[in-house]
Amino acid sequence: MAQATGAGQGSGGSVGHDRNRYRHAARHLAECQSCDAGIEDYGDLPSHGQFLEVLKQKHGRKHGCWHLADS
């Protein structure tokens, strides 16, 4: 979940822009979740669940995104 920055936007973008980015991110997370069951060995990479834990630790305040991702 990259942060949008620009003149006059501070550390975020418009509410509508964030909502669109969050929908897009939630769709990607859902697609990754659906692929997770078919992966038997992640090798040196974290599992999908482990990746989500780290992502939520780093971006836990993005409640709008997590609401969409958990739906």
Protein backbone atom coordinates (compact mmCIF):
# COMPACT_ATOMS: atom_id res chain seq x y z
CA MET A 1 0.00 0.00 0.00
CA ALA A 2 2.01 2.88 -1.27
CA GLN A 3 1.40 6.35 0.04
CA ALA A 4 0.34 9.05 -2.36
CA THR A 5 2.10 12.34 -1.90
CA GLY A 6 1.79 15.57 -3.72
CA ALA A 7 1.60 19.31 -3.28
CA GLY A 8 -0.96 20.19 -0.67
CA GLN A 9 -1.82 16.58 0.11
CA GLY A 10 0.37 16.01 3.15
CA SER A 11 0.97 12.33 3.81
CA GLY A 12 -2.15 11.11 2.04
CA GLY A 13 -4.41 11.84 -0.85
CA SER A 14 -8.05 12.66 -1.21
CA VAL A 15 -10.54 10.40 0.52
CA GLY A 16 -11.85 9.14 -2.83
CA HIS A 17 -8.35 8.42 -4.07
CA ASP A 18 -7.54 6.45 -0.91
CA ARG A 19 -10.79 4.49 -1.22
CA ASN A 20 -9.93 3.51 -4.81
CA ARG A 21 -6.40 2.48 -3.83
CA TYR A 22 -7.75 0.48 -0.90
CA ARG A 23 -10.27 -1.34 -3.11
CA HIS A 24 -7.45 -2.19 -5.51
CA ALA A 25 -5.21 -3.41 -2.66
CA ALA A 26 -8.06 -5.45 -1.15
CA ARG A 27 -8.65 -7.18 -4.50
CA HIS A 28 -4.95 -8.07 -4.71
CA LEU A 29 -4.95 -9.44 -1.16
CA ALA A 30 -8.05 -11.54 -1.93
CA GLU A 31 -6.35 -12.93 -5.04
CA CYS A 32 -3.24 -13.78 -3.02
CA GLN A 33 -5.41 -15.44 -0.37
CA SER A 34 -7.07 -17.62 -3.01
CA CYS A 35 -3.67 -18.69 -4.35
CA ASP A 36 -2.31 -19.44 -0.87
CA ALA A 37 -4.03 -22.82 -0.57
CA GLY A 38 -2.18 -24.11 -3.62
CA ILE A 39 1.28 -23.18 -2.34
CA GLU A 40 2.89 -26.00 -0.40
CA ASP A 41 6.33 -24.52 0.16
CA TYR A 42 7.13 -20.83 0.39
CA GLY A 43 10.83 -21.57 0.69
CA ASP A 44 12.57 -18.62 2.34
CA LEU A 45 9.57 -16.34 1.84
CA PRO A 46 6.89 -15.70 4.46
CA SER A 47 3.55 -17.45 4.10
CA HIS A 48 0.53 -15.36 3.11
CA GLY A 49 -0.58 -15.24 6.73
CA GLN A 50 2.85 -14.12 7.91
CA PHE A 51 2.96 -11.48 5.18
CA LEU A 52 -0.45 -10.15 6.27
CA GLU A 53 0.70 -9.93 9.89
CA VAL A 54 3.70 -7.80 8.91
CA LEU A 55 1.56 -5.70 6.57
CA LYS A 56 -0.97 -5.04 9.33
CA GLN A 57 1.81 -4.12 11.75
CA LYS A 58 3.22 -1.59 9.28
CA HIS A 59 -0.11 -0.26 8.01
CA GLY A 60 -2.55 -1.03 10.81
CA ARG A 61 -3.96 2.50 10.89
CA LYS A 62 -5.33 2.20 7.35
CA HIS A 63 -8.70 1.10 8.70
CA GLY A 64 -10.51 1.76 5.41
CA CYS A 65 -8.23 -0.66 3.61
CA TRP A 66 -8.44 -3.39 6.25
CA HIS A 67 -12.23 -3.07 6.36
CA LEU A 68 -12.34 -3.81 2.62
CA ALA A 69 -9.73 -6.56 2.84
CA ASP A 70 -11.56 -8.32 5.68
CA SER A 71 -14.94 -8.17 3.93
